[in-house]
């Protein structure tokens, strides 16, 4: 059984893989400080009509990049719990709350396809 943190890390890495990114995370502090993973994640999960972009990746200043990334999160109504400084500082609990909010609002997951075998019960088995 996975902890909430492990579940969210797997979800982020799954979305990054779907987006074609080579980056992966193992934590919510050091791995996310540069906002690159968040920028790719938000672009991947956002509805096309939201107008999300990756312009944040062109910024060299990490705080400016984080602010631009959060502006994209705002386009999908998911800018909560966190500031640009929190991202750059790598505050893990706030970053985890931010990712949990993204997951809740835009999971970007396909419903599982389950095949069921139908067994007819005889009268004696019931």
N, C-alpha and C. Protein backbone atom coordinates (compact mmCIF):
# COMPACT_ATOMS: atom_id res chain seq x y z
N UNK A 1 0.84 -1.18 0.00
CA UNK A 1 0.00 0.00 0.00
C UNK A 1 0.89 1.24 0.00
N UNK A 2 0.56 2.19 -0.87
CA UNK A 2 1.36 3.40 -1.02
C UNK A 2 0.89 4.50 -0.09
N UNK A 3 1.85 5.29 0.40
CA UNK A 3 1.50 6.47 1.19
C UNK A 3 0.95 7.53 0.22
N UNK A 4 0.24 8.54 0.73
CA UNK A 4 -0.24 9.61 -0.16
C UNK A 4 0.90 10.26 -0.94
N UNK A 5 2.04 10.46 -0.29
CA UNK A 5 3.18 11.07 -0.96
C UNK A 5 3.68 10.18 -2.10
N UNK A 6 3.81 8.88 -1.85
CA UNK A 6 4.26 7.95 -2.89
C UNK A 6 3.27 7.89 -4.05
N UNK A 7 1.99 7.92 -3.75
CA UNK A 7 0.96 7.90 -4.78
C UNK A 7 1.07 9.13 -5.67
N UNK A 8 1.25 10.29 -5.06
CA UNK A 8 1.36 11.53 -5.84
C UNK A 8 2.64 11.56 -6.67
N UNK A 9 3.72 11.05 -6.12
CA UNK A 9 4.98 10.98 -6.88
C UNK A 9 4.81 10.07 -8.10
N UNK A 10 4.16 8.94 -7.91
CA UNK A 10 3.91 8.04 -9.06
C UNK A 10 3.04 8.71 -10.10
N UNK A 11 2.02 9.45 -9.65
CA UNK A 11 1.13 10.15 -10.57
C UNK A 11 1.90 11.20 -11.37
N UNK A 12 2.73 11.99 -10.68
CA UNK A 12 3.53 13.01 -11.38
C UNK A 12 4.43 12.34 -12.41
N UNK A 13 5.12 11.29 -12.03
CA UNK A 13 6.03 10.61 -12.96
C UNK A 13 5.29 10.00 -14.13
N UNK A 14 4.09 9.47 -13.88
CA UNK A 14 3.27 8.93 -14.96
C UNK A 14 2.91 10.03 -15.96
N UNK A 15 2.49 11.18 -15.43
CA UNK A 15 2.12 12.29 -16.31
C UNK A 15 3.33 12.83 -17.08
N UNK A 16 4.49 12.88 -16.42
CA UNK A 16 5.71 13.33 -17.10
C UNK A 16 6.08 12.38 -18.24
N UNK A 17 5.92 11.09 -17.99
CA UNK A 17 6.20 10.11 -19.03
C UNK A 17 5.25 10.29 -20.21
N UNK A 18 3.95 10.49 -19.90
CA UNK A 18 2.97 10.72 -20.98
C UNK A 18 3.30 11.98 -21.77
N UNK A 19 3.90 12.97 -21.10
CA UNK A 19 4.24 14.23 -21.76
C UNK A 19 5.54 14.13 -22.56
N UNK A 20 6.24 13.00 -22.44
CA UNK A 20 7.48 12.83 -23.17
C UNK A 20 8.69 13.45 -22.47
N UNK A 21 8.53 13.78 -21.20
CA UNK A 21 9.63 14.36 -20.44
C UNK A 21 10.55 13.26 -19.92
N UNK A 22 11.84 13.56 -19.87
CA UNK A 22 12.79 12.59 -19.31
C UNK A 22 12.96 12.79 -17.80
N UNK A 23 12.40 13.87 -17.27
CA UNK A 23 12.52 14.16 -15.84
C UNK A 23 11.58 13.29 -15.02
N UNK A 24 12.00 12.98 -13.79
CA UNK A 24 11.17 12.25 -12.84
C UNK A 24 11.44 12.83 -11.46
N UNK A 25 10.50 12.65 -10.54
CA UNK A 25 10.72 13.14 -9.18
C UNK A 25 10.76 11.98 -8.19
N UNK A 26 11.44 12.23 -7.08
CA UNK A 26 11.48 11.26 -5.99
C UNK A 26 11.05 11.92 -4.68
N UNK A 27 10.88 13.27 -4.71
CA UNK A 27 10.50 14.01 -3.50
C UNK A 27 9.82 15.32 -3.90
N UNK A 28 9.29 16.03 -2.90
CA UNK A 28 8.62 17.30 -3.15
C UNK A 28 9.44 18.49 -2.64
N UNK A 29 10.76 18.33 -2.56
CA UNK A 29 11.57 19.48 -2.19
C UNK A 29 12.64 19.75 -3.25
N UNK A 30 13.73 19.03 -3.26
CA UNK A 30 14.82 19.30 -4.21
C UNK A 30 14.40 19.14 -5.67
N UNK A 31 13.60 18.13 -5.96
CA UNK A 31 13.27 17.79 -7.35
C UNK A 31 12.39 18.82 -8.05
N UNK A 32 11.70 19.66 -7.29
CA UNK A 32 10.73 20.57 -7.92
C UNK A 32 11.14 22.04 -7.85
N UNK A 33 12.26 22.34 -7.23
CA UNK A 33 12.66 23.73 -6.99
C UNK A 33 12.79 24.57 -8.25
N UNK A 34 13.14 23.95 -9.38
CA UNK A 34 13.35 24.73 -10.61
C UNK A 34 12.06 24.93 -11.42
N UNK A 35 10.94 24.39 -10.95
CA UNK A 35 9.61 24.53 -11.58
C UNK A 35 9.47 23.87 -12.94
N UNK A 36 10.52 23.21 -13.44
CA UNK A 36 10.43 22.57 -14.75
C UNK A 36 9.43 21.41 -14.72
N UNK A 37 9.48 20.61 -13.70
CA UNK A 37 8.56 19.47 -13.60
C UNK A 37 7.13 19.97 -13.50
N UNK A 38 6.91 20.98 -12.67
CA UNK A 38 5.55 21.53 -12.55
C UNK A 38 5.06 22.10 -13.87
N UNK A 39 5.93 22.78 -14.59
CA UNK A 39 5.54 23.37 -15.87
C UNK A 39 5.11 22.28 -16.84
N UNK A 40 5.89 21.21 -16.93
CA UNK A 40 5.52 20.10 -17.81
C UNK A 40 4.25 19.40 -17.32
N UNK A 41 4.13 19.22 -16.02
CA UNK A 41 2.96 18.55 -15.45
C UNK A 41 1.68 19.32 -15.74
N UNK A 42 1.69 20.62 -15.50
CA UNK A 42 0.49 21.44 -15.72
C UNK A 42 0.11 21.45 -17.19
N UNK A 43 1.10 21.55 -18.07
CA UNK A 43 0.81 21.52 -19.51
C UNK A 43 0.21 20.18 -19.92
N UNK A 44 0.64 19.11 -19.28
CA UNK A 44 0.13 17.77 -19.62
C UNK A 44 -1.31 17.57 -19.16
N UNK A 45 -1.64 18.02 -17.96
CA UNK A 45 -2.97 17.72 -17.41
C UNK A 45 -4.03 18.76 -17.74
N UNK A 46 -3.61 19.92 -18.22
CA UNK A 46 -4.56 21.01 -18.49
C UNK A 46 -5.43 20.69 -19.70
N UNK A 47 -6.71 21.05 -19.62
CA UNK A 47 -7.55 20.94 -20.82
C UNK A 47 -6.99 21.86 -21.91
N UNK A 48 -7.09 21.44 -23.16
CA UNK A 48 -6.53 22.22 -24.26
C UNK A 48 -7.06 23.65 -24.29
N UNK A 49 -8.33 23.82 -23.96
CA UNK A 49 -8.96 25.14 -24.03
C UNK A 49 -8.50 26.09 -22.92
N UNK A 50 -7.70 25.61 -21.97
CA UNK A 50 -7.24 26.45 -20.86
C UNK A 50 -6.15 27.44 -21.29
N UNK A 51 -5.50 27.15 -22.41
CA UNK A 51 -4.47 28.06 -22.91
C UNK A 51 -3.18 28.04 -22.10
N UNK A 52 -2.88 26.91 -21.48
CA UNK A 52 -1.66 26.77 -20.69
C UNK A 52 -0.46 26.72 -21.62
N UNK A 53 0.63 27.39 -21.20
CA UNK A 53 1.87 27.37 -21.99
C UNK A 53 3.06 27.01 -21.10
N UNK A 54 4.21 26.85 -21.75
CA UNK A 54 5.44 26.50 -21.04
C UNK A 54 6.46 27.63 -21.08
N UNK A 55 6.01 28.86 -21.22
CA UNK A 55 6.92 29.99 -21.30
C UNK A 55 7.79 30.13 -20.06
N UNK A 56 7.33 29.59 -18.94
CA UNK A 56 8.10 29.68 -17.70
C UNK A 56 9.50 29.07 -17.88
N UNK A 57 9.61 28.08 -18.74
CA UNK A 57 10.90 27.41 -18.93
C UNK A 57 11.97 28.33 -19.53
N UNK A 58 11.54 29.45 -20.12
CA UNK A 58 12.48 30.40 -20.71
C UNK A 58 13.09 31.33 -19.67
N UNK A 59 12.51 31.37 -18.47
CA UNK A 59 13.02 32.24 -17.40
C UNK A 59 14.21 31.58 -16.71
N UNK A 60 15.24 32.37 -16.45
CA UNK A 60 16.42 31.84 -15.75
C UNK A 60 16.30 32.02 -14.25
N UNK A 61 15.66 33.10 -13.82
CA UNK A 61 15.46 33.34 -12.39
C UNK A 61 14.40 32.36 -11.88
N UNK A 62 14.76 31.55 -10.88
CA UNK A 62 13.86 30.48 -10.41
C UNK A 62 12.57 31.02 -9.81
N UNK A 63 12.62 32.16 -9.13
CA UNK A 63 11.40 32.71 -8.55
C UNK A 63 10.47 33.22 -9.64
N UNK A 64 11.02 33.89 -10.65
CA UNK A 64 10.20 34.34 -11.77
C UNK A 64 9.60 33.15 -12.51
N UNK A 65 10.40 32.10 -12.69
CA UNK A 65 9.91 30.89 -13.35
C UNK A 65 8.78 30.27 -12.55
N UNK A 66 8.94 30.19 -11.24
CA UNK A 66 7.90 29.62 -10.39
C UNK A 66 6.62 30.46 -10.46
N UNK A 67 6.75 31.77 -10.49
CA UNK A 67 5.57 32.63 -10.58
C UNK A 67 4.85 32.41 -11.91
N UNK A 68 5.59 32.32 -13.00
CA UNK A 68 4.96 32.07 -14.30
C UNK A 68 4.28 30.70 -14.32
N UNK A 69 4.90 29.71 -13.70
CA UNK A 69 4.31 28.38 -13.61
C UNK A 69 2.99 28.45 -12.84
N UNK A 70 2.99 29.19 -11.73
CA UNK A 70 1.77 29.31 -10.93
C UNK A 70 0.66 30.06 -11.69
N UNK A 71 1.04 30.97 -12.55
CA UNK A 71 0.05 31.65 -13.40
C UNK A 71 -0.63 30.64 -14.32
N UNK A 72 0.12 29.64 -14.77
CA UNK A 72 -0.48 28.59 -15.60
C UNK A 72 -1.41 27.72 -14.76
N UNK A 73 -1.01 27.44 -13.53
CA UNK A 73 -1.87 26.67 -12.62
C UNK A 73 -3.18 27.42 -12.37
N UNK A 74 -3.08 28.75 -12.31
CA UNK A 74 -4.28 29.56 -12.10
C UNK A 74 -5.27 29.40 -13.26
N UNK A 75 -4.76 29.21 -14.47
CA UNK A 75 -5.63 29.03 -15.64
C UNK A 75 -6.49 27.78 -15.53
N UNK A 76 -6.04 26.81 -14.73
CA UNK A 76 -6.84 25.59 -14.55
C UNK A 76 -7.39 25.51 -13.11
N UNK A 77 -7.54 26.71 -12.52
CA UNK A 77 -8.13 26.84 -11.18
C UNK A 77 -7.43 25.98 -10.14
N UNK A 78 -6.12 25.94 -10.19
CA UNK A 78 -5.37 25.08 -9.28
C UNK A 78 -4.22 25.80 -8.59
N UNK A 79 -4.32 27.11 -8.48
CA UNK A 79 -3.26 27.85 -7.79
C UNK A 79 -3.68 28.03 -6.33
N UNK A 80 -3.36 27.06 -5.54
CA UNK A 80 -3.68 27.14 -4.12
C UNK A 80 -2.53 26.58 -3.30
N UNK A 81 -2.50 26.94 -2.05
CA UNK A 81 -1.57 26.40 -1.05
C UNK A 81 -0.14 26.90 -1.15
N UNK A 82 0.28 27.50 -2.26
CA UNK A 82 1.71 27.67 -2.49
C UNK A 82 2.03 29.00 -3.16
N UNK A 83 3.21 29.53 -2.86
CA UNK A 83 3.72 30.73 -3.53
C UNK A 83 4.97 30.35 -4.31
N UNK A 84 5.41 31.26 -5.15
CA UNK A 84 6.64 31.02 -5.92
C UNK A 84 7.82 30.77 -4.96
N UNK A 85 7.86 31.51 -3.88
CA UNK A 85 8.96 31.33 -2.91
C UNK A 85 8.90 29.93 -2.28
N UNK A 86 7.69 29.43 -2.01
CA UNK A 86 7.54 28.07 -1.45
C UNK A 86 8.10 27.02 -2.40
N UNK A 87 7.86 27.21 -3.69
CA UNK A 87 8.37 26.25 -4.69
C UNK A 87 9.90 26.28 -4.69
N UNK A 88 10.46 27.47 -4.81
CA UNK A 88 11.92 27.63 -4.90
C UNK A 88 12.60 27.16 -3.60
N UNK A 89 11.92 27.34 -2.48
CA UNK A 89 12.47 26.90 -1.20
C UNK A 89 12.34 25.40 -1.00
N UNK A 90 11.48 24.76 -1.79
CA UNK A 90 11.31 23.31 -1.68
C UNK A 90 10.59 22.89 -0.42
N UNK A 91 9.59 23.65 -0.01
CA UNK A 91 8.82 23.29 1.19
C UNK A 91 7.93 22.10 0.85
N UNK A 92 8.35 20.92 1.29
CA UNK A 92 7.74 19.68 0.82
C UNK A 92 6.26 19.54 1.15
N UNK A 93 5.81 19.91 2.32
CA UNK A 93 4.39 19.74 2.65
C UNK A 93 3.51 20.64 1.79
N UNK A 94 3.93 21.88 1.57
CA UNK A 94 3.15 22.77 0.72
C UNK A 94 3.18 22.32 -0.73
N UNK A 95 4.32 21.84 -1.18
CA UNK A 95 4.41 21.34 -2.56
C UNK A 95 3.56 20.09 -2.74
N UNK A 96 3.53 19.24 -1.72
CA UNK A 96 2.70 18.04 -1.80
C UNK A 96 1.22 18.43 -1.84
N UNK A 97 0.83 19.44 -1.06
CA UNK A 97 -0.56 19.91 -1.08
C UNK A 97 -0.91 20.49 -2.45
N UNK A 98 0.02 21.21 -3.05
CA UNK A 98 -0.19 21.77 -4.39
C UNK A 98 -0.42 20.66 -5.41
N UNK A 99 0.42 19.62 -5.37
CA UNK A 99 0.29 18.50 -6.30
C UNK A 99 -1.00 17.73 -6.03
N UNK A 100 -1.37 17.56 -4.77
CA UNK A 100 -2.62 16.87 -4.45
C UNK A 100 -3.81 17.64 -5.03
N UNK A 101 -3.74 18.95 -4.98
CA UNK A 101 -4.80 19.77 -5.56
C UNK A 101 -4.85 19.60 -7.08
N UNK A 102 -3.69 19.59 -7.72
CA UNK A 102 -3.65 19.35 -9.17
C UNK A 102 -4.26 17.99 -9.50
N UNK A 103 -3.88 16.98 -8.72
CA UNK A 103 -4.40 15.63 -8.92
C UNK A 103 -5.91 15.59 -8.77
N UNK A 104 -6.43 16.23 -7.73
CA UNK A 104 -7.88 16.22 -7.49
C UNK A 104 -8.64 16.95 -8.58
N UNK A 105 -8.09 18.05 -9.08
CA UNK A 105 -8.79 18.86 -10.09
C UNK A 105 -8.63 18.32 -11.51
N UNK A 106 -7.48 17.76 -11.81
CA UNK A 106 -7.18 17.32 -13.18
C UNK A 106 -6.37 16.03 -13.15
N UNK A 107 -6.99 14.92 -12.78
CA UNK A 107 -6.21 13.68 -12.64
C UNK A 107 -5.58 13.18 -13.94
N UNK A 108 -6.18 13.48 -15.07
CA UNK A 108 -5.59 13.05 -16.34
C UNK A 108 -5.41 11.56 -16.46
N UNK A 109 -6.30 10.81 -15.86
CA UNK A 109 -6.22 9.36 -15.90
C UNK A 109 -7.41 8.79 -16.65
N UNK A 110 -7.15 7.75 -17.37
CA UNK A 110 -8.23 7.05 -18.05
C UNK A 110 -8.89 6.09 -17.06
N UNK A 111 -10.19 5.94 -17.13
CA UNK A 111 -10.82 4.96 -16.24
C UNK A 111 -10.31 3.56 -16.56
N UNK A 112 -10.10 2.75 -15.55
CA UNK A 112 -9.59 1.41 -15.82
C UNK A 112 -10.59 0.58 -16.62
N UNK A 113 -10.04 -0.24 -17.48
CA UNK A 113 -10.88 -1.15 -18.27
C UNK A 113 -10.82 -2.49 -17.56
N UNK A 114 -11.92 -2.86 -17.01
CA UNK A 114 -11.96 -4.13 -16.30
C UNK A 114 -12.87 -5.09 -17.04
N UNK A 115 -12.37 -6.28 -17.20
CA UNK A 115 -13.18 -7.31 -17.81
C UNK A 115 -13.64 -8.25 -16.72
N UNK A 116 -14.88 -8.53 -16.73
CA UNK A 116 -15.44 -9.41 -15.72
C UNK A 116 -15.90 -10.70 -16.38
N UNK A 117 -15.59 -11.78 -15.71
CA UNK A 117 -16.12 -13.06 -16.15
C UNK A 117 -17.46 -13.25 -15.46
N UNK A 118 -18.44 -13.59 -16.24
CA UNK A 118 -19.77 -13.79 -15.67
C UNK A 118 -19.97 -15.28 -15.46
N UNK A 119 -20.25 -15.60 -14.24
CA UNK A 119 -20.49 -17.00 -13.89
C UNK A 119 -21.95 -17.15 -13.53
N UNK A 120 -22.56 -18.11 -14.12
CA UNK A 120 -23.94 -18.43 -13.76
C UNK A 120 -23.91 -19.39 -12.58
N UNK A 121 -24.66 -19.03 -11.57
CA UNK A 121 -24.73 -19.90 -10.40
C UNK A 121 -25.90 -20.86 -10.58
N UNK A 122 -25.67 -22.04 -10.13
CA UNK A 122 -26.77 -23.01 -10.13
C UNK A 122 -27.61 -22.72 -8.89
N UNK A 123 -28.76 -23.26 -8.86
CA UNK A 123 -29.68 -23.05 -7.75
C UNK A 123 -29.05 -23.54 -6.42
N UNK A 124 -28.28 -24.62 -6.49
CA UNK A 124 -27.68 -25.19 -5.30
C UNK A 124 -26.57 -24.27 -4.77
N UNK A 125 -25.85 -23.60 -5.67
CA UNK A 125 -24.76 -22.72 -5.24
C UNK A 125 -25.28 -21.46 -4.56
N UNK A 126 -26.47 -21.01 -4.94
CA UNK A 126 -27.03 -19.80 -4.34
C UNK A 126 -27.42 -20.10 -2.93
